[in-house]
C-alpha atoms as a PDB file:
ATOM      1  CA  MET A   1     -14.460   8.169 -31.705  1.00  0.00           C
ATOM      2  CA  THR A   2     -12.146  10.686 -33.278  1.00  0.00           C
ATOM      3  CA  ILE A   3     -10.790   9.702 -36.670  1.00  0.00           C
ATOM      4  CA  GLY A   4      -8.328  12.567 -37.116  1.00  0.00           C
ATOM      5  CA  GLU A   5      -6.418  13.472 -40.240  1.00  0.00           C
ATOM      6  CA  THR A   6      -4.583  10.217 -40.831  1.00  0.00           C
ATOM      7  CA  ASN A   7      -4.695   7.764 -43.694  1.00  0.00           C
ATOM      8  CA  SER A   8      -7.651   6.161 -41.890  1.00  0.00           C
ATOM      9  CA  ASN A   9      -9.708   9.318 -42.519  1.00  0.00           C
ATOM     10  CA  PRO A  10     -12.532   8.038 -44.728  1.00  0.00           C
ATOM     11  CA  LEU A  11     -13.220  11.527 -46.123  1.00  0.00           C
ATOM     12  CA  PRO A  12     -11.450  13.771 -48.626  1.00  0.00           C
ATOM     13  CA  LYS A  13      -8.582  15.863 -47.189  1.00  0.00           C
ATOM     14  CA  ARG A  14     -10.754  18.973 -47.449  1.00  0.00           C
ATOM     15  CA  TYR A  15     -12.598  17.749 -44.337  1.00  0.00           C
ATOM     16  CA  THR A  16     -10.602  18.042 -41.118  1.00  0.00           C
ATOM     17  CA  SER A  17     -11.253  17.517 -37.398  1.00  0.00           C
ATOM     18  CA  VAL A  18     -13.326  14.484 -38.334  1.00  0.00           C
ATOM     19  CA  SER A  19     -15.255  12.617 -35.650  1.00  0.00           C
ATOM     20  CA  LEU A  20     -17.871   9.889 -35.875  1.00  0.00           C
ATOM     21  CA  ILE A  21     -21.232  11.021 -34.487  1.00  0.00           C
ATOM     22  CA  ALA A  22     -23.610   8.259 -35.651  1.00  0.00           C
ATOM     23  CA  ARG A  23     -23.647   4.859 -37.271  1.00  0.00           C
ATOM     24  CA  GLY A  24     -26.604   3.210 -38.972  1.00  0.00           C
ATOM     25  CA  GLY A  25     -27.484   0.453 -41.384  1.00  0.00           C
ATOM     26  CA  MET A  26     -26.491   2.433 -44.476  1.00  0.00           C
ATOM     27  CA  GLY A  27     -23.331   4.053 -43.184  1.00  0.00           C
ATOM     28  CA  GLU A  28     -21.807   6.540 -40.818  1.00  0.00           C
ATOM     29  CA  VAL A  29     -22.300  10.224 -40.096  1.00  0.00           C
ATOM     30  CA  TYR A  30     -19.281  12.342 -39.241  1.00  0.00           C
ATOM     31  CA  ARG A  31     -18.876  15.860 -37.929  1.00  0.00           C
ATOM     32  CA  ALA A  32     -16.040  17.679 -39.662  1.00  0.00           C
ATOM     33  CA  THR A  33     -14.730  21.084 -40.596  1.00  0.00           C
ATOM     34  CA  ASP A  34     -14.823  22.021 -44.254  1.00  0.00           C
ATOM     35  CA  SER A  35     -11.374  23.604 -44.558  1.00  0.00           C
ATOM     36  CA  VAL A  36     -12.293  25.405 -47.778  1.00  0.00           C
ATOM     37  CA  LEU A  37     -15.498  27.046 -46.536  1.00  0.00           C
ATOM     38  CA  GLN A  38     -14.393  27.189 -42.878  1.00  0.00           C
ATOM     39  CA  ARG A  39     -17.574  25.753 -41.383  1.00  0.00           C
ATOM     40  CA  LYS A  40     -18.701  22.691 -39.477  1.00  0.00           C
ATOM     41  CA  VAL A  41     -20.540  20.121 -41.552  1.00  0.00           C
ATOM     42  CA  ALA A  42     -22.146  16.726 -41.141  1.00  0.00           C
ATOM     43  CA  ILE A  43     -21.120  14.100 -43.681  1.00  0.00           C
ATOM     44  CA  LYS A  44     -23.094  10.939 -44.339  1.00  0.00           C
ATOM     45  CA  LEU A  45     -20.824   8.276 -45.828  1.00  0.00           C
ATOM     46  CA  LEU A  46     -22.089   5.029 -47.330  1.00  0.00           C
ATOM     47  CA  ALA A  47     -20.836   2.032 -45.364  1.00  0.00           C
ATOM     48  CA  GLU A  48     -17.825   0.324 -46.885  1.00  0.00           C
ATOM     49  CA  ARG A  49     -19.657  -3.016 -46.899  1.00  0.00           C
ATOM     50  CA  HIS A  50     -22.241  -1.494 -49.293  1.00  0.00           C
ATOM     51  CA  ALA A  51     -19.793   0.338 -51.570  1.00  0.00           C
ATOM     52  CA  GLY A  52     -19.874  -2.425 -54.172  1.00  0.00           C
ATOM     53  CA  GLU A  53     -23.658  -2.914 -54.156  1.00  0.00           C
ATOM     54  CA  GLU A  54     -25.077  -0.923 -57.056  1.00  0.00           C
ATOM     55  CA  GLU A  55     -28.648  -1.029 -55.735  1.00  0.00           C
ATOM     56  CA  VAL A  56     -27.575   0.453 -52.392  1.00  0.00           C
ATOM     57  CA  ARG A  57     -25.386   3.055 -54.122  1.00  0.00           C
ATOM     58  CA  ALA A  58     -28.366   4.055 -56.285  1.00  0.00           C
ATOM     59  CA  ARG A  59     -30.553   4.413 -53.197  1.00  0.00           C
ATOM     60  CA  PHE A  60     -27.894   6.592 -51.542  1.00  0.00           C
ATOM     61  CA  ARG A  61     -27.709   8.783 -54.674  1.00  0.00           C
ATOM     62  CA  ARG A  62     -31.506   9.143 -54.652  1.00  0.00           C
ATOM     63  CA  GLU A  63     -31.324  10.319 -51.036  1.00  0.00           C
ATOM     64  CA  ALA A  64     -28.675  12.881 -51.951  1.00  0.00           C
ATOM     65  CA  LEU A  65     -30.695  14.173 -54.898  1.00  0.00           C
ATOM     66  CA  ALA A  66     -33.963  14.326 -52.952  1.00  0.00           C
ATOM     67  CA  ALA A  67     -32.328  16.209 -50.083  1.00  0.00           C
ATOM     68  CA  ALA A  68     -30.441  18.531 -52.442  1.00  0.00           C
ATOM     69  CA  ARG A  69     -33.641  19.315 -54.349  1.00  0.00           C
ATOM     70  CA  LEU A  70     -35.241  20.399 -51.080  1.00  0.00           C
ATOM     71  CA  SER A  71     -32.244  22.424 -49.820  1.00  0.00           C
ATOM     72  CA  GLY A  72     -33.250  25.923 -48.879  1.00  0.00           C
ATOM     73  CA  THR A  73     -36.705  24.781 -47.813  1.00  0.00           C
ATOM     74  CA  PRO A  74     -37.484  25.864 -44.259  1.00  0.00           C
ATOM     75  CA  HIS A  75     -36.960  23.035 -41.777  1.00  0.00           C
ATOM     76  CA  VAL A  76     -35.190  20.718 -44.234  1.00  0.00           C
ATOM     77  CA  ILE A  77     -31.488  20.008 -43.728  1.00  0.00           C
ATOM     78  CA  THR A  78     -29.347  21.870 -46.273  1.00  0.00           C
ATOM     79  CA  VAL A  79     -27.112  19.817 -48.558  1.00  0.00           C
ATOM     80  CA  PHE A  80     -23.834  21.509 -49.505  1.00  0.00           C
ATOM     81  CA  ASP A  81     -22.208  18.835 -51.648  1.00  0.00           C
ATOM     82  CA  VAL A  82     -22.281  15.223 -52.776  1.00  0.00           C
ATOM     83  CA  GLY A  83     -19.364  13.189 -53.951  1.00  0.00           C
ATOM     84  CA  GLU A  84     -17.441   9.969 -53.784  1.00  0.00           C
ATOM     85  CA  HIS A  85     -14.186   9.177 -52.028  1.00  0.00           C
ATOM     86  CA  ARG A  86     -12.433   5.827 -52.288  1.00  0.00           C
ATOM     87  CA  ARG A  87     -15.523   4.414 -54.020  1.00  0.00           C
ATOM     88  CA  ARG A  88     -17.768   5.463 -51.132  1.00  0.00           C
ATOM     89  CA  PRO A  89     -20.482   8.035 -51.889  1.00  0.00           C
ATOM     90  CA  TYR A  90     -21.036  10.815 -49.366  1.00  0.00           C
ATOM     91  CA  ILE A  91     -23.425  13.697 -48.690  1.00  0.00           C
ATOM     92  CA  VAL A  92     -22.193  16.910 -47.041  1.00  0.00           C
ATOM     93  CA  MET A  93     -24.881  18.699 -45.031  1.00  0.00           C
ATOM     94  CA  GLU A  94     -25.232  21.493 -42.544  1.00  0.00           C
ATOM     95  CA  TYR A  95     -24.274  20.470 -39.030  1.00  0.00           C
ATOM     96  CA  LEU A  96     -26.904  21.098 -36.367  1.00  0.00           C
ATOM     97  CA  ASP A  97     -25.635  20.998 -32.815  1.00  0.00           C
ATOM     98  CA  GLY A  98     -28.934  20.693 -30.930  1.00  0.00           C
ATOM     99  CA  GLY A  99     -29.240  16.914 -31.115  1.00  0.00           C
ATOM    100  CA  SER A 100     -32.395  15.189 -32.268  1.00  0.00           C
ATOM    101  CA  VAL A 101     -35.968  14.995 -31.032  1.00  0.00           C
ATOM    102  CA  HIS A 102     -35.094  11.410 -30.074  1.00  0.00           C
ATOM    103  CA  ASP A 103     -32.312  12.723 -27.808  1.00  0.00           C
ATOM    104  CA  ARG A 104     -34.692  15.213 -26.210  1.00  0.00           C
ATOM    105  CA  LEU A 105     -37.337  12.543 -25.591  1.00  0.00           C
ATOM    106  CA  ARG A 106     -34.787  10.404 -23.748  1.00  0.00           C
ATOM    107  CA  GLU A 107     -34.152  13.337 -21.406  1.00  0.00           C
ATOM    108  CA  GLY A 108     -37.802  13.391 -20.326  1.00  0.00           C
ATOM    109  CA  PRO A 109     -41.235  14.639 -21.330  1.00  0.00           C
ATOM    110  CA  ILE A 110     -41.570  17.436 -23.882  1.00  0.00           C
ATOM    111  CA  GLN A 111     -43.876  20.341 -23.092  1.00  0.00           C
ATOM    112  CA  PRO A 112     -47.027  20.248 -25.262  1.00  0.00           C
ATOM    113  CA  GLY A 113     -46.315  23.692 -26.738  1.00  0.00           C
ATOM    114  CA  GLN A 114     -42.818  22.602 -27.803  1.00  0.00           C
ATOM    115  CA  ALA A 115     -44.169  19.385 -29.306  1.00  0.00           C
ATOM    116  CA  LEU A 116     -46.748  21.337 -31.315  1.00  0.00           C
ATOM    117  CA  GLU A 117     -44.097  23.767 -32.535  1.00  0.00           C
ATOM    118  CA  TRP A 118     -41.885  20.883 -33.719  1.00  0.00           C
ATOM    119  CA  LEU A 119     -44.867  19.195 -35.395  1.00  0.00           C
ATOM    120  CA  ALA A 120     -45.659  22.425 -37.247  1.00  0.00           C
ATOM    121  CA  GLN A 121     -42.038  22.766 -38.390  1.00  0.00           C
ATOM    122  CA  ALA A 122     -41.934  19.139 -39.557  1.00  0.00           C
ATOM    123  CA  GLY A 123     -45.252  19.697 -41.326  1.00  0.00           C
ATOM    124  CA  ILE A 124     -43.849  22.674 -43.249  1.00  0.00           C
ATOM    125  CA  ALA A 125     -40.869  20.594 -44.399  1.00  0.00           C
ATOM    126  CA  LEU A 126     -42.896  17.524 -45.327  1.00  0.00           C
ATOM    127  CA  ASP A 127     -45.569  19.560 -47.116  1.00  0.00           C
ATOM    128  CA  ARG A 128     -42.903  21.134 -49.308  1.00  0.00           C
ATOM    129  CA  ALA A 129     -41.267  17.744 -49.907  1.00  0.00           C
ATOM    130  CA  HIS A 130     -44.626  16.317 -51.022  1.00  0.00           C
ATOM    131  CA  ALA A 131     -45.157  19.303 -53.323  1.00  0.00           C
ATOM    132  CA  GLU A 132     -41.801  18.410 -54.928  1.00  0.00           C
ATOM    133  CA  GLY A 133     -42.832  14.759 -55.332  1.00  0.00           C
ATOM    134  CA  VAL A 134     -40.707  13.494 -52.412  1.00  0.00           C
ATOM    135  CA  VAL A 135     -42.325  11.269 -49.775  1.00  0.00           C
ATOM    136  CA  HIS A 136     -40.021  10.826 -46.776  1.00  0.00           C
ATOM    137  CA  ARG A 137     -41.296   7.396 -45.560  1.00  0.00           C
ATOM    138  CA  ASP A 138     -39.075   7.334 -42.452  1.00  0.00           C
ATOM    139  CA  VAL A 139     -40.194  10.238 -40.271  1.00  0.00           C
ATOM    140  CA  LYS A 140     -39.143   9.450 -36.711  1.00  0.00           C
ATOM    141  CA  PRO A 141     -37.642  11.392 -33.798  1.00  0.00           C
ATOM    142  CA  ALA A 142     -34.057  10.402 -34.740  1.00  0.00           C
ATOM    143  CA  ASN A 143     -34.530  12.000 -38.186  1.00  0.00           C
ATOM    144  CA  LEU A 144     -35.741  15.298 -36.737  1.00  0.00           C
ATOM    145  CA  LEU A 145     -32.666  17.336 -35.851  1.00  0.00           C
ATOM    146  CA  LEU A 146     -32.516  20.525 -33.827  1.00  0.00           C
ATOM    147  CA  ASP A 147     -30.353  23.595 -34.116  1.00  0.00           C
ATOM    148  CA  ARG A 148     -28.983  25.348 -31.029  1.00  0.00           C
ATOM    149  CA  ASP A 149     -32.171  27.438 -30.782  1.00  0.00           C
ATOM    150  CA  GLY A 150     -34.407  24.360 -30.802  1.00  0.00           C
ATOM    151  CA  ASN A 151     -35.673  24.767 -34.363  1.00  0.00           C
ATOM    152  CA  LEU A 152     -36.331  21.503 -36.166  1.00  0.00           C
ATOM    153  CA  CYS A 153     -34.953  20.241 -39.503  1.00  0.00           C
ATOM    154  CA  VAL A 154     -36.061  17.058 -41.234  1.00  0.00           C
ATOM    155  CA  THR A 155     -33.168  14.875 -42.416  1.00  0.00           C
ATOM    156  CA  ASP A 156     -32.444  11.412 -43.792  1.00  0.00           C
ATOM    157  CA  PHE A 157     -34.410  11.074 -46.994  1.00  0.00           C
ATOM    158  CA  GLY A 158     -32.825   7.633 -47.460  1.00  0.00           C
ATOM    159  CA  ILE A 159     -35.963   5.730 -48.417  1.00  0.00           C
ATOM    160  CA  ALA A 160     -37.849   8.656 -49.966  1.00  0.00           C
END
């Protein structure tokens, strides 16, 4: 679903070429181009139905802060910005174009060596998160994203 740059664009004007890439219980994730920094980004936007729920907004803010605190850690998704647009909080992150481990598993079996490499990369990220006092609590294949070279990044610290 391509949103485009119309009034229906749920993101600030800075973000162009917007397209929906995922939808979950808390909101949507869009791929976009940051027109200021000239790079592709992924933007998690709190669902409109939750925008007025302070408890959900607080949980979303905690996710943003936990992820931002861990930015720069190997194998953790990098957060570039957080904000709010039309009363909907959002998190701007690096965009990884390799899909998720979940996507790869649907394609067929993973070679044991590859699985061990991904486990090691996830372990590095989670060990650092724990050292910073952040417990992920939702580690699953859909929250393990891959870059184009097959390197893993842990994302979605929503219930950390």
